[in-house]
Protein backbone atom coordinates (compact mmCIF):
# COMPACT_ATOMS: atom_id res chain seq x y z
CA MET A 1 5.63 10.66 2.00
CA LEU A 2 7.63 7.83 0.40
CA LYS A 3 7.51 7.57 -3.37
CA LEU A 4 8.49 4.22 -4.87
CA THR A 5 7.88 2.52 -8.16
CA LEU A 6 6.62 -1.04 -8.36
CA LYS A 7 10.01 -2.02 -9.81
CA THR A 8 11.70 -0.75 -6.65
CA LEU A 9 9.32 -2.74 -4.47
CA VAL A 10 9.88 -6.05 -6.27
CA ALA A 11 13.63 -5.70 -6.88
CA PRO A 12 14.58 -7.85 -3.84
CA LEU A 13 12.54 -10.72 -5.29
CA ALA A 14 14.42 -10.54 -8.58
CA LEU A 15 17.71 -10.83 -6.69
CA GLY A 16 16.61 -14.08 -5.10
CA SER A 17 16.43 -12.86 -1.53
CA SER A 18 13.68 -14.24 0.65
CA LEU A 19 11.10 -12.13 2.43
CA ILE A 20 9.62 -13.21 5.74
CA SER A 21 5.90 -12.67 6.23
CA ALA A 22 4.85 -10.90 9.38
CA PRO A 23 2.55 -12.81 11.73
CA ALA A 24 -1.17 -12.13 11.41
CA MET A 25 -1.69 -9.72 14.29
CA ALA A 26 -2.44 -6.05 14.79
CA THR A 27 0.19 -3.55 13.73
CA ASP A 28 1.03 0.04 14.62
CA PHE A 29 0.72 1.23 11.01
CA MET A 30 -1.57 0.77 8.06
CA THR A 31 -0.01 0.75 4.61
CA ILE A 32 -1.69 2.41 1.65
CA ARG A 33 -0.49 2.17 -1.95
CA GLU A 34 -2.03 4.64 -4.40
CA TYR A 35 -1.53 3.78 -8.08
CA TYR A 36 -1.40 6.38 -10.85
CA SER A 37 -1.94 6.20 -14.61
CA ASP A 38 1.53 7.53 -15.53
CA ALA A 39 4.70 9.20 -14.27
CA THR A 40 2.97 12.55 -13.76
CA TYR A 41 1.18 11.09 -10.69
CA THR A 42 -1.91 13.21 -11.38
CA VAL A 43 -4.62 10.60 -12.16
CA SER A 44 -5.22 8.04 -9.41
CA VAL A 45 -6.41 4.69 -10.80
CA GLY A 46 -6.27 2.36 -7.79
CA LEU A 47 -5.61 1.73 -4.10
CA SER A 48 -4.37 -1.25 -2.15
CA GLY A 49 -2.87 -1.95 1.23
CA ASN A 50 -3.64 -3.27 4.67
CA ASP A 51 -5.42 -1.84 7.69
CA CYS A 52 -4.30 -1.91 11.31
CA ALA A 53 -5.59 -5.47 11.76
CA ARG A 54 -3.69 -6.49 8.61
CA ASN A 55 -6.85 -6.96 6.58
CA GLN A 56 -5.95 -6.41 2.94
CA PHE A 57 -7.91 -4.23 0.54
CA SER A 58 -7.62 -3.46 -3.16
CA ILE A 59 -9.67 -1.45 -5.62
CA GLY A 60 -9.02 -0.27 -9.17
CA GLN A 61 -5.90 -0.83 -11.24
CA VAL A 62 -2.35 -1.66 -10.17
CA THR A 63 0.34 0.17 -12.14
CA GLU A 64 4.09 0.69 -11.86
CA PHE A 65 3.44 4.30 -10.76
CA VAL A 66 2.73 4.00 -7.04
CA ILE A 67 3.07 6.08 -3.90
CA VAL A 68 3.34 4.08 -0.70
CA SER A 69 2.38 5.67 2.60
CA ARG A 70 2.21 4.38 6.15
CA GLU A 71 -0.26 5.90 8.57
CA PRO A 72 -0.21 5.29 12.32
CA CYS A 73 -3.09 3.25 13.65
CA ALA A 74 -5.43 5.33 15.74
CA GLY A 75 -8.20 2.86 16.45
CA THR A 76 -10.67 1.73 13.86
CA TRP A 77 -10.63 1.22 10.12
CA PRO A 78 -12.17 2.61 8.05
CA PRO A 79 -11.91 6.09 9.52
CA PRO A 80 -15.17 7.97 10.13
CA GLY A 81 -16.58 9.41 6.92
CA TRP A 82 -14.68 7.05 4.64
CA ASN A 83 -16.84 5.98 1.71
CA PRO A 84 -15.21 3.81 -1.01
């Protein structure tokens, strides 16, 4: 599991480097960002990311305390039993 802060994720933008957007097509991974209330990472307050078809989703609050994970695509999203 990769643990990054929001500051780490946006640092390249502050340095003036350009980011290239990926084309809108299916991908081998879905990206999930889980946001927490503080640096203890115990109270989850939001989720965002993209699914395997690069559809974006977001719910709750965005904070600087975030854990980013990438999960391999296995077929459909949402997975069976997922209930937001």
